[in-house]
Structures are given as C-alpha cells and as structure tokens.
Protein backbone atom coordinates (compact mmCIF):
# COMPACT_ATOMS: atom_id res chain seq x y z
CA ALA A 1 4.24 -3.30 6.92
CA LEU A 2 2.63 -5.49 3.62
CA GLY A 3 3.92 -8.27 2.57
CA ALA A 4 4.27 -12.32 2.02
CA GLY A 5 4.37 -12.20 -1.68
CA GLY A 6 1.71 -10.64 -3.39
CA LEU A 7 1.53 -7.79 -4.99
CA GLY A 8 5.17 -6.31 -4.36
CA ASP A 9 6.80 -9.74 -5.49
CA LEU A 10 4.32 -9.14 -8.84
CA ALA A 11 5.73 -5.71 -9.29
CA ILE A 12 9.51 -7.61 -8.75
CA ARG A 13 9.09 -10.34 -10.80
CA ILE A 14 7.38 -9.21 -13.77
CA GLY A 15 6.89 -5.96 -13.93
CA TYR A 16 10.76 -5.28 -12.49
CA GLN A 17 12.70 -8.21 -13.69
CA SER A 18 10.92 -9.16 -17.64
CA TYR A 19 10.90 -5.87 -18.53
CA ARG A 20 7.55 -5.03 -18.31
CA GLY A 21 7.12 -1.11 -16.94
CA ASP A 22 3.47 -1.03 -17.00
CA VAL A 23 2.79 -3.96 -14.94
CA LEU A 24 5.43 -2.23 -12.18
CA PHE A 25 3.91 1.35 -12.66
CA TYR A 26 0.47 -0.13 -11.84
CA ALA A 27 1.41 -2.24 -9.29
CA VAL A 28 3.55 0.57 -7.59
CA VAL A 29 0.37 3.06 -7.59
CA VAL A 30 -2.02 0.46 -6.73
CA ILE A 31 0.70 -0.24 -3.56
CA ILE A 32 0.74 3.77 -2.84
CA VAL A 33 -3.41 4.17 -2.84
CA LEU A 34 -3.72 0.80 -0.41
CA VAL A 35 -0.94 2.53 2.22
CA GLN A 36 -2.77 5.84 1.82
CA ILE A 37 -5.83 4.36 2.69
CA ILE A 38 -4.51 2.42 5.85
CA GLN A 39 -2.89 5.35 7.42
CA SER A 40 -5.53 7.70 6.62
CA ALA A 41 -8.10 5.26 8.60
CA GLY A 42 -5.60 4.83 10.73
CA ASP A 43 -5.06 8.93 11.66
CA TYR A 44 -8.93 8.47 11.63
CA VAL A 45 -9.45 5.95 14.40
CA VAL A 46 -6.45 8.13 16.67
CA LYS A 47 -8.50 11.65 16.00
CA ARG A 48 -11.83 9.65 17.15
CA LEU A 49 -10.16 8.25 20.23
CA ARG A 50 -8.26 11.14 21.44
CA LYS A 51 -11.02 13.41 21.20
CA HIS A 52 -13.16 10.72 23.89
CA LYS A 53 -11.33 11.72 27.64
CA TYR A 54 -10.85 8.02 29.38
C-alpha cells in the first residue's frame, strides 16, 4: 500500500479540494506509474524465484 500523506495527499488537498484538475491528473498518473513499476518488479522477482527448484 502506498500512503502516509505524500503524493495521494497532494492529489486530494491541492488537486481535488482546490479545483486544480491538472495537479490531480498528474498526481494520479504518477501514482499509477509507480504502482505499475513496483508490481512489475515484484512479478519479475517471483518469476526468477520460481525458476529455481529449492
């Protein structure tokens, strides 16, 4: 889970509550990209570990 008041907090407070659609859009895009990178890295690690027969 991503959290602790960083990028998501920026998206909510400045983007949504202040009616700054551009800030909201870019913050959401960055969050999606970060999640995809983390997911892909995890999938890669699992794929590599499953090839080894322990």
